[in-house]
Amino acid sequence: MADAASRLVSVAEQLLGAPLPLRIRAWDRSQAGPPGAPVIIVRNRRALRRMLFKPGELGMARAWVAGDLDIEGDLYTALGAIAGLLWEHDDDAEGRSLVDTVRDPAARAAVRELIRLVGPPLPPAPPREEVRRRRHLHTRRSDKRAISHHYDVGNDFYELVLGPSMVYSCAYWEDPETAGSLESAQRDKLELVSAKLGLKPGQRLLDVGCGWGSMAVHAAREHGVGVVGVTLSQEQAAFARKRVAEEGLTDRVEIRVQDYRDVRDGPYDAISSIGMAEHVGAERYLDYARDLYGLLKPGGRLLNHQIARRPQRDETAYEIDAFIDSYVFPDGELAPLGTTVTQLERAGFEVRDVESLREHYARTLRAWVTNLEGDWARATRLAGYGRARVWRLYMAASALAFERAQIGVNQVLAVRTPDSGASGLPARTRTWNA
């Protein structure tokens, strides 16, 4: 009988109808597949059972998180090849994804061979890091639970990944060709936001989803504004308050554990929402925009920094990414840029500028992966083996998605323009300090 790796390659190529661009090393130490290709290590039959019961992304993710499946060689090259098999197929093309192929009656013989290979196909329990998926309600309670799952992993773990800046959104390199540090690029991003908001001493800034306090501290220290930062994460708030005290800014910065929907002490001169709106949800996005509009004084500015997906021909068919929803951002939803701009305008805002930072996020994510891999033993001690593997996979895969323009990230500058029409913005866009 053929070894396990050869049988797996044969089954995979039957299902794909094309040569497998990966090499397989199986639990019996056998190897098969193109020499020099990235190696997928199938450590046990349980990995295959996971993929049989959840074909496609979620099954592979479960096997990865549990350590049943691994990659040898360049992670990005391997993920790029896997993405081509599972996700990257044009709706108009004749080619089909692996999941589509498995449903083809002609492929059932290959599936039967796979079942014979893995033994009795009892479904393994999902890894404990998986969140049980549910209907996306976006209530205050469910949002707080989702935020806690993602952000209350431990501040030490996030500091290892993000670096000293503790900024969990894409950095900004003034010159993308330079080799500036992640720390300096994050500082430049915070200054870019400050400049777009036109922050001046004595103004009030509301930082929605303030994270570990980076924007709040920067705005107060560098621009002399008073800041209220709100987050739903207890761990983030504790870290941010300590940071504010160490900077001697307690008279200017207040960090609250509070839902943005419960903020009632407007008006503010400016609002920053950096990497937070992805948690709002499509059904509640207009309410989110209206709430922020109502918290701004006339002439006040909103800087909304948000990840976007490409629009679909049938938007009703949009499904939240199974891996991200189950392991990373429960209840997180991405919207096309046009939808976001429309909702802001429906809320009353005048949208004045949109800037894409897509390439910057890809570079940022690669830097975070480097930080994680560079201190892997400590990362697994801090967050646990499975959680560290979740973060490594999601950040590396996200970097590829940004590089390939499958997702993007945009800064949208909007104004609560008064009835007079005087927006207070420069006559020419991008001259933020004029």
Protein backbone atom coordinates (compact mmCIF):
# COMPACT_ATOMS: atom_id res chain seq x y z
CA MET A 1 0.00 0.00 0.00
CA ALA A 2 1.26 3.49 -0.81
CA ASP A 3 2.53 5.66 2.04
CA ALA A 4 0.24 8.24 3.63
CA ALA A 5 1.81 11.30 1.97
CA SER A 6 1.53 9.84 -1.53
CA ARG A 7 -2.08 8.89 -0.93
CA LEU A 8 -2.86 12.38 0.36
CA VAL A 9 -1.26 14.03 -2.66
CA SER A 10 -3.18 11.72 -4.98
CA VAL A 11 -6.49 12.49 -3.26
CA ALA A 12 -5.79 16.22 -3.25
CA GLU A 13 -4.96 16.27 -6.96
CA GLN A 14 -8.09 14.29 -7.77
CA LEU A 15 -10.18 16.84 -5.90
CA LEU A 16 -8.38 19.81 -7.40
CA GLY A 17 -8.08 18.49 -10.92
CA ALA A 18 -4.59 19.99 -10.98
CA PRO A 19 -1.11 19.34 -9.53
CA LEU A 20 -0.75 20.14 -5.83
CA PRO A 21 1.57 23.17 -5.39
CA LEU A 22 2.59 21.97 -1.92
CA ARG A 23 4.63 19.14 -0.50
CA ILE A 24 3.10 16.93 2.20
CA ARG A 25 4.86 15.26 5.11
CA ALA A 26 2.54 12.80 6.85
CA TRP A 27 2.43 11.26 10.31
CA ASP A 28 4.24 8.11 9.05
CA ARG A 29 7.22 10.34 8.03
CA SER A 30 6.51 9.84 4.36
CA GLN A 31 6.77 12.81 1.98
CA ALA A 32 5.33 13.52 -1.45
CA GLY A 33 4.74 16.46 -3.71
CA PRO A 34 6.89 18.85 -5.75
CA PRO A 35 10.48 19.14 -4.45
CA GLY A 36 11.30 22.57 -3.07
CA ALA A 37 7.67 23.52 -2.49
CA PRO A 38 6.46 24.64 0.95
CA VAL A 39 5.84 21.64 3.18
CA ILE A 40 2.51 21.01 4.88
CA ILE A 41 3.06 18.78 7.90
CA VAL A 42 0.08 16.55 8.66
CA ARG A 43 0.99 15.40 12.16
CA ASN A 44 -1.86 12.96 12.65
CA ARG A 45 -5.07 11.60 11.16
CA ARG A 46 -7.04 13.95 13.39
CA ALA A 47 -6.04 16.85 11.11
CA LEU A 48 -7.80 15.16 8.22
CA ARG A 49 -10.87 14.38 10.28
CA ARG A 50 -11.16 18.05 11.11
CA MET A 51 -11.05 18.94 7.42
CA LEU A 52 -13.52 16.22 6.47
CA PHE A 53 -16.13 17.47 8.92
CA LYS A 54 -15.50 21.15 8.15
CA PRO A 55 -14.23 21.27 4.55
CA GLY A 56 -12.40 24.43 3.66
CA GLU A 57 -11.15 27.23 5.84
CA LEU A 58 -12.59 26.42 9.27
CA GLY A 59 -11.47 22.79 9.23
CA MET A 60 -7.93 23.75 8.26
CA ALA A 61 -7.92 26.50 10.88
CA ARG A 62 -8.97 24.04 13.59
CA ALA A 63 -6.19 21.68 12.59
CA TRP A 64 -3.67 24.55 12.60
CA VAL A 65 -4.72 25.96 15.98
CA ALA A 66 -4.62 22.52 17.58
CA GLY A 67 -1.17 21.84 16.16
CA ASP A 68 -2.39 18.91 14.06
CA LEU A 69 -1.30 20.77 10.92
CA ASP A 70 1.86 22.84 10.46
CA ILE A 71 3.98 24.51 7.82
CA GLU A 72 7.69 24.13 7.16
CA GLY A 73 9.43 26.79 5.12
CA ASP A 74 8.24 30.28 4.30
CA LEU A 75 4.85 30.84 5.93
CA TYR A 76 3.72 33.47 3.41
CA THR A 77 4.56 31.31 0.39
CA ALA A 78 2.65 28.39 1.86
CA LEU A 79 -0.37 30.51 2.78
CA GLY A 80 -0.37 32.02 -0.68
CA ALA A 81 -0.58 28.55 -2.20
CA ILE A 82 -3.32 27.47 0.22
CA ALA A 83 -5.28 30.65 -0.49
CA GLY A 84 -5.19 29.82 -4.19
CA LEU A 85 -6.76 26.45 -3.44
CA LEU A 86 -9.44 27.56 -1.02
CA TRP A 87 -10.36 31.21 -1.36
CA GLU A 88 -9.08 32.90 -4.47
CA HIS A 89 -11.52 31.99 -7.19
CA ASP A 90 -13.38 34.37 -9.43
CA ASP A 91 -17.14 34.04 -9.31
CA ASP A 92 -17.20 34.39 -13.09
CA ALA A 93 -14.44 31.87 -13.72
CA GLU A 94 -14.98 28.26 -14.70
CA GLY A 95 -12.56 27.09 -12.02
CA ARG A 96 -13.95 26.09 -8.65
CA SER A 97 -12.61 26.16 -5.14
CA LEU A 98 -11.73 22.99 -3.25
CA VAL A 99 -14.99 23.17 -1.33
CA ASP A 100 -16.99 23.33 -4.55
CA THR A 101 -15.03 20.40 -5.96
CA VAL A 102 -15.70 18.21 -2.93
CA ARG A 103 -19.42 18.60 -3.61
CA ASP A 104 -19.00 17.25 -7.13
CA PRO A 105 -20.24 13.63 -7.37
CA ALA A 106 -17.22 12.79 -9.53
CA ALA A 107 -14.93 13.56 -6.59
CA ARG A 108 -16.66 11.27 -4.12
CA ALA A 109 -14.31 8.38 -4.83
CA ALA A 110 -11.42 10.55 -3.70
CA VAL A 111 -13.31 11.48 -0.54
CA ARG A 112 -13.99 7.79 0.18
CA GLU A 113 -10.28 7.10 -0.17
CA LEU A 114 -9.58 9.88 2.30
CA ILE A 115 -12.05 8.40 4.77
CA ARG A 116 -10.36 5.00 4.45
CA LEU A 117 -7.02 6.66 5.11
CA VAL A 118 -8.03 8.55 8.25
CA GLY A 119 -10.05 5.76 9.86
CA PRO A 120 -13.41 6.16 11.62
CA PRO A 121 -14.33 9.80 10.91
CA LEU A 122 -15.44 10.85 14.37
CA PRO A 123 -15.47 14.65 14.56
CA PRO A 124 -12.79 15.96 16.96
CA ALA A 125 -13.88 18.66 19.37
CA PRO A 126 -12.89 22.18 18.23
CA PRO A 127 -9.87 23.74 19.95
CA ARG A 128 -10.79 25.55 23.16
CA GLU A 129 -9.76 28.88 21.58
CA GLU A 130 -12.78 28.72 19.26
CA VAL A 131 -15.77 30.90 20.06
CA ARG A 132 -19.11 29.26 19.51
CA ARG A 133 -20.59 31.11 16.55
CA ARG A 134 -23.92 32.78 17.04
CA ARG A 135 -26.20 35.30 15.43
CA HIS A 136 -24.53 38.70 15.25
CA LEU A 137 -26.66 40.86 17.53
CA HIS A 138 -24.21 43.68 18.35
CA THR A 139 -25.91 44.40 21.63
CA ARG A 140 -23.91 46.10 24.37
CA ARG A 141 -23.47 42.77 26.11
CA SER A 142 -22.44 40.80 23.02
CA ASP A 143 -20.07 43.54 21.85
CA LYS A 144 -18.38 43.63 25.24
CA ARG A 145 -17.99 39.84 25.18
CA ALA A 146 -16.50 39.95 21.68
CA ILE A 147 -14.09 42.75 22.58
CA SER A 148 -12.98 40.88 25.68
CA HIS A 149 -12.26 37.73 23.65
CA HIS A 150 -9.96 39.61 21.32
CA TYR A 151 -8.30 42.22 23.51
CA ASP A 152 -8.18 40.68 26.97
CA VAL A 153 -5.48 38.20 25.94
CA GLY A 154 -2.91 39.89 28.14
CA ASN A 155 -1.16 43.22 27.80
CA ASP A 156 2.26 41.59 27.91
CA PHE A 157 1.39 39.48 24.88
CA TYR A 158 0.19 42.49 22.92
CA GLU A 159 3.31 44.45 23.87
CA LEU A 160 5.43 41.60 22.52
CA VAL A 161 3.55 41.68 19.20
CA LEU A 162 2.89 45.40 18.75
CA GLY A 163 6.09 46.78 20.22
CA PRO A 164 6.45 49.78 22.54
CA SER A 165 3.91 51.91 20.66
CA MET A 166 1.04 49.58 21.63
CA VAL A 167 -0.84 50.74 18.53
CA TYR A 168 -3.08 48.00 17.12
CA SER A 169 -3.80 49.49 13.71
CA CYS A 170 -1.70 50.04 10.63
CA ALA A 171 1.38 52.21 10.84
CA TYR A 172 2.20 54.95 8.34
CA TRP A 173 5.54 55.33 6.62
CA GLU A 174 5.99 58.85 5.22
CA ASP A 175 8.23 57.33 2.54
CA PRO A 176 7.12 53.73 1.85
CA GLU A 177 10.54 52.97 0.35
CA THR A 178 12.42 53.73 3.56
CA ALA A 179 13.26 51.21 6.23
CA GLY A 180 11.92 53.25 9.14
CA SER A 181 11.09 51.42 12.33
CA LEU A 182 7.59 50.25 13.19
CA GLU A 183 7.69 52.50 16.24
CA SER A 184 8.44 55.64 14.22
CA ALA A 185 5.82 54.70 11.63
CA GLN A 186 3.18 54.32 14.34
CA ARG A 187 4.13 57.72 15.72
CA ASP A 188 3.78 59.17 12.21
CA LYS A 189 0.32 57.56 11.91
CA LEU A 190 -0.85 59.15 15.15
CA GLU A 191 0.46 62.49 13.96
CA LEU A 192 -1.29 62.05 10.61
CA VAL A 193 -4.58 61.51 12.43
CA SER A 194 -3.93 64.52 14.65
CA ALA A 195 -3.17 66.71 11.63
CA LYS A 196 -6.30 65.64 9.77
CA LEU A 197 -8.37 66.42 12.84
CA GLY A 198 -6.67 69.79 13.15
CA LEU A 199 -6.05 69.32 16.88
CA LYS A 200 -5.24 72.48 18.83
CA PRO A 201 -4.58 73.23 22.52
CA GLY A 202 -7.74 73.43 24.58
CA GLN A 203 -9.89 71.31 22.27
CA ARG A 204 -11.73 68.14 23.36
CA LEU A 205 -11.08 64.86 21.57
CA LEU A 206 -13.15 61.69 21.94
CA ASP A 207 -11.10 58.58 21.07
CA VAL A 208 -13.59 55.78 20.37
CA GLY A 209 -12.07 52.37 20.94
CA CYS A 210 -9.00 53.92 22.53
CA GLY A 211 -7.09 50.66 22.95
CA TRP A 212 -4.03 51.00 25.15
CA GLY A 213 -4.19 54.80 25.07
CA SER A 214 -1.67 55.58 22.34
CA MET A 215 -3.77 58.13 20.46
CA ALA A 216 -5.03 59.72 23.68
CA VAL A 217 -1.52 60.18 25.05
CA HIS A 218 -0.15 61.47 21.75
CA ALA A 219 -2.94 64.00 21.28
CA ALA A 220 -2.68 65.33 24.83
CA ARG A 221 1.11 65.42 24.98
CA GLU A 222 1.85 66.72 21.47
CA HIS A 223 -1.20 68.92 20.84
CA GLY A 224 -2.43 70.00 24.26
CA VAL A 225 -5.98 68.70 23.86
CA GLY A 226 -8.21 67.19 26.51
CA VAL A 227 -9.05 63.58 25.68
CA VAL A 228 -11.72 61.10 26.68
CA GLY A 229 -10.84 57.57 25.56
CA VAL A 230 -13.44 54.79 25.72
CA THR A 231 -12.92 51.05 25.48
CA LEU A 232 -14.85 47.94 26.45
CA SER A 233 -11.69 46.10 27.50
CA GLN A 234 -10.79 46.15 31.19
CA GLU A 235 -7.18 45.17 30.44
CA GLN A 236 -6.75 47.91 27.87
CA ALA A 237 -8.18 50.51 30.23
CA ALA A 238 -5.88 49.48 33.09
CA PHE A 239 -2.83 49.70 30.82
CA ALA A 240 -3.92 53.04 29.33
CA ARG A 241 -4.58 54.63 32.74
CA LYS A 242 -1.16 53.58 33.98
CA ARG A 243 0.41 55.01 30.84
CA VAL A 244 -1.47 58.30 31.23
CA ALA A 245 -0.28 58.60 34.84
CA GLU A 246 3.33 57.87 33.91
CA GLU A 247 3.17 60.62 31.26
CA GLY A 248 1.79 63.08 33.81
CA LEU A 249 -1.36 63.60 31.76
CA THR A 250 -4.09 62.70 34.23
CA ASP A 251 -5.38 66.29 34.13
CA ARG A 252 -5.90 66.03 30.36
CA VAL A 253 -6.79 62.38 29.65
CA GLU A 254 -9.64 60.30 31.02
CA ILE A 255 -9.87 56.60 30.12
CA ARG A 256 -13.28 55.00 30.56
CA VAL A 257 -14.58 51.46 30.30
CA GLN A 258 -17.65 52.58 28.40
CA ASP A 259 -19.64 51.80 25.28
CA TYR A 260 -19.49 54.68 22.80
CA ARG A 261 -23.29 54.55 22.72
CA ASP A 262 -23.32 55.63 26.37
CA VAL A 263 -21.13 58.73 25.96
CA ARG A 264 -23.30 61.72 26.86
CA ASP A 265 -20.85 64.55 27.61
CA GLY A 266 -20.47 66.13 24.17
CA PRO A 267 -19.98 68.20 22.25
CA TYR A 268 -16.41 67.36 21.21
CA ASP A 269 -14.23 69.27 18.80
CA ALA A 270 -12.98 66.06 17.20
CA ILE A 271 -13.49 62.29 17.28
CA SER A 272 -10.97 59.61 16.32
CA SER A 273 -12.20 56.10 15.64
CA ILE A 274 -9.17 54.02 14.71
CA GLY A 275 -9.71 50.32 13.97
CA MET A 276 -12.93 50.23 15.96
CA ALA A 277 -15.75 50.51 13.41
CA GLU A 278 -15.15 46.94 12.17
CA HIS A 279 -16.82 45.81 15.41
CA VAL A 280 -20.01 47.83 14.87
CA GLY A 281 -21.84 45.61 12.38
CA ALA A 282 -23.72 46.49 9.21
CA GLU A 283 -27.14 46.70 10.84
CA ARG A 284 -25.98 49.21 13.44
CA TYR A 285 -23.50 51.22 11.40
CA LEU A 286 -25.87 54.09 10.64
CA ASP A 287 -26.66 54.37 14.35
CA TYR A 288 -22.91 54.45 15.05
CA ALA A 289 -22.43 57.27 12.55
CA ARG A 290 -25.39 59.21 13.96
CA ASP A 291 -24.13 58.80 17.52
CA LEU A 292 -20.73 60.24 16.60
CA TYR A 293 -22.33 63.02 14.59
CA GLY A 294 -24.41 63.97 17.61
CA LEU A 295 -21.32 64.10 19.84
CA LEU A 296 -19.52 66.63 17.62
CA LYS A 297 -19.96 70.36 17.75
CA PRO A 298 -20.77 72.10 14.42
CA GLY A 299 -17.55 72.21 12.45
CA GLY A 300 -16.16 69.23 14.39
CA ARG A 301 -14.23 66.53 12.57
CA LEU A 302 -14.36 62.73 12.59
CA LEU A 303 -11.41 60.59 11.50
CA ASN A 304 -12.73 57.08 10.81
CA HIS A 305 -9.90 54.59 10.20
CA GLN A 306 -11.45 51.29 9.06
CA ILE A 307 -10.65 48.07 7.20
CA ALA A 308 -12.74 47.55 4.06
CA ARG A 309 -13.53 44.59 1.83
CA ARG A 310 -14.23 44.56 -1.88
CA PRO A 311 -17.92 44.86 -2.81
CA GLN A 312 -19.75 41.76 -3.97
CA ARG A 313 -22.12 41.56 -6.91
CA ASP A 314 -24.77 40.29 -4.49
CA GLU A 315 -24.18 41.96 -1.13
CA THR A 316 -26.84 39.82 0.51
CA ALA A 317 -24.57 36.82 -0.05
CA TYR A 318 -21.76 38.30 2.08
CA GLU A 319 -20.60 35.93 4.81
CA ILE A 320 -18.24 36.76 7.64
CA ASP A 321 -14.92 34.94 7.40
CA ALA A 322 -15.34 31.73 9.41
CA PHE A 323 -11.82 31.64 10.87
CA ILE A 324 -11.79 35.31 11.86
CA ASP A 325 -15.27 35.08 13.37
CA SER A 326 -14.52 31.92 15.33
CA TYR A 327 -11.01 32.68 16.57
CA VAL A 328 -10.05 36.33 16.14
CA PHE A 329 -12.79 39.00 15.96
CA PRO A 330 -16.13 37.46 16.98
CA ASP A 331 -18.95 39.46 15.40
CA GLY A 332 -16.55 41.59 13.38
CA GLU A 333 -17.87 42.69 9.98
CA LEU A 334 -16.18 44.37 7.03
CA ALA A 335 -18.00 46.69 4.65
CA PRO A 336 -17.00 48.14 1.27
CA LEU A 337 -15.58 51.65 1.42
CA GLY A 338 -18.51 53.03 -0.58
CA THR A 339 -20.96 51.67 1.97
CA THR A 340 -19.07 53.32 4.83
CA VAL A 341 -18.97 56.69 3.07
CA THR A 342 -22.69 56.46 2.26
CA GLN A 343 -23.62 55.71 5.86
CA LEU A 344 -21.53 58.60 7.16
CA GLU A 345 -23.23 60.92 4.70
CA ARG A 346 -26.67 59.59 5.62
CA ALA A 347 -25.87 60.45 9.23
CA GLY A 348 -25.27 64.06 8.22
CA PHE A 349 -21.50 64.16 7.77
CA GLU A 350 -19.76 65.84 4.86
CA VAL A 351 -16.99 63.48 3.73
CA ARG A 352 -13.96 65.57 2.80
CA ASP A 353 -11.11 63.13 2.28
CA VAL A 354 -10.47 59.42 1.83
CA GLU A 355 -6.94 57.99 1.97
CA SER A 356 -6.04 54.34 1.44
CA LEU A 357 -3.25 52.91 3.60
CA ARG A 358 -3.51 49.37 2.24
CA GLU A 359 0.20 48.79 1.57
CA HIS A 360 1.05 50.26 4.97
CA TYR A 361 -1.09 47.67 6.72
CA ALA A 362 0.59 44.79 4.89
CA ARG A 363 3.97 46.07 6.04
CA THR A 364 2.70 46.57 9.59
CA LEU A 365 1.35 43.03 9.80
CA ARG A 366 4.61 41.55 8.59
CA ALA A 367 6.40 43.50 11.31
CA TRP A 368 4.00 42.13 13.93
CA VAL A 369 4.53 38.57 12.69
CA THR A 370 8.29 39.11 12.93
CA ASN A 371 7.88 40.30 16.53
CA LEU A 372 5.75 37.27 17.37
CA GLU A 373 8.06 34.73 15.76
CA GLY A 374 11.14 36.41 17.24
CA ASP A 375 10.01 35.62 20.79
CA TRP A 376 7.81 32.61 20.13
CA ALA A 377 8.55 30.74 23.35
CA ARG A 378 7.51 33.73 25.47
CA ALA A 379 4.46 34.36 23.29
CA THR A 380 3.17 30.83 23.88
CA ARG A 381 3.77 31.18 27.62
CA LEU A 382 1.84 34.45 27.73
CA ALA A 383 -1.14 33.61 25.52
CA GLY A 384 -1.08 29.83 25.30
CA TYR A 385 0.04 27.63 22.42
CA GLY A 386 -3.24 27.68 20.53
CA ARG A 387 -3.87 31.42 20.89
CA ALA A 388 -0.35 32.27 19.73
CA ARG A 389 -0.90 30.08 16.66
CA VAL A 390 -4.19 31.88 15.97
CA TRP A 391 -2.42 35.24 15.95
CA ARG A 392 0.44 34.03 13.76
CA LEU A 393 -1.94 32.61 11.17
CA TYR A 394 -4.37 35.52 11.11
CA MET A 395 -1.70 38.22 10.89
CA ALA A 396 0.29 36.47 8.16
CA ALA A 397 -2.83 35.67 6.13
CA SER A 398 -4.07 39.25 6.58
CA ALA A 399 -0.76 40.63 5.33
CA LEU A 400 -1.20 38.64 2.12
CA ALA A 401 -4.81 39.80 1.78
CA PHE A 402 -3.74 43.45 2.00
CA GLU A 403 -0.87 42.91 -0.44
CA ARG A 404 -3.21 41.29 -2.97
CA ALA A 405 -5.86 44.03 -2.60
CA GLN A 406 -8.45 41.58 -1.30
CA ILE A 407 -9.02 43.92 1.63
CA GLY A 408 -7.97 47.51 2.25
CA VAL A 409 -7.88 50.10 4.99
CA ASN A 410 -8.97 53.72 4.67
CA GLN A 411 -8.92 56.92 6.66
CA VAL A 412 -12.15 58.81 6.04
CA LEU A 413 -12.20 62.42 7.22
CA ALA A 414 -15.72 63.75 7.74
CA VAL A 415 -17.04 67.02 9.12
CA ARG A 416 -20.21 68.05 10.87
CA THR A 417 -20.47 71.01 8.53
CA PRO A 418 -22.56 73.84 9.99
CA ASP A 419 -25.45 75.48 8.15
CA SER A 420 -23.13 78.27 7.04
CA GLY A 421 -21.16 75.74 4.98
CA ALA A 422 -17.85 76.75 6.57
CA SER A 423 -16.16 73.39 7.05
CA GLY A 424 -13.00 74.84 8.61
CA LEU A 425 -10.86 72.65 6.38
CA PRO A 426 -8.05 73.82 4.08
CA ALA A 427 -9.15 74.77 0.58
CA ARG A 428 -6.75 72.16 -0.75
CA THR A 429 -6.93 68.61 0.58
CA ARG A 430 -3.88 67.09 2.27
CA THR A 431 -2.59 70.49 3.43
CA TRP A 432 -3.70 69.54 6.90
CA ASN A 433 -1.68 72.10 8.79
CA ALA A 434 -2.69 75.11 6.68
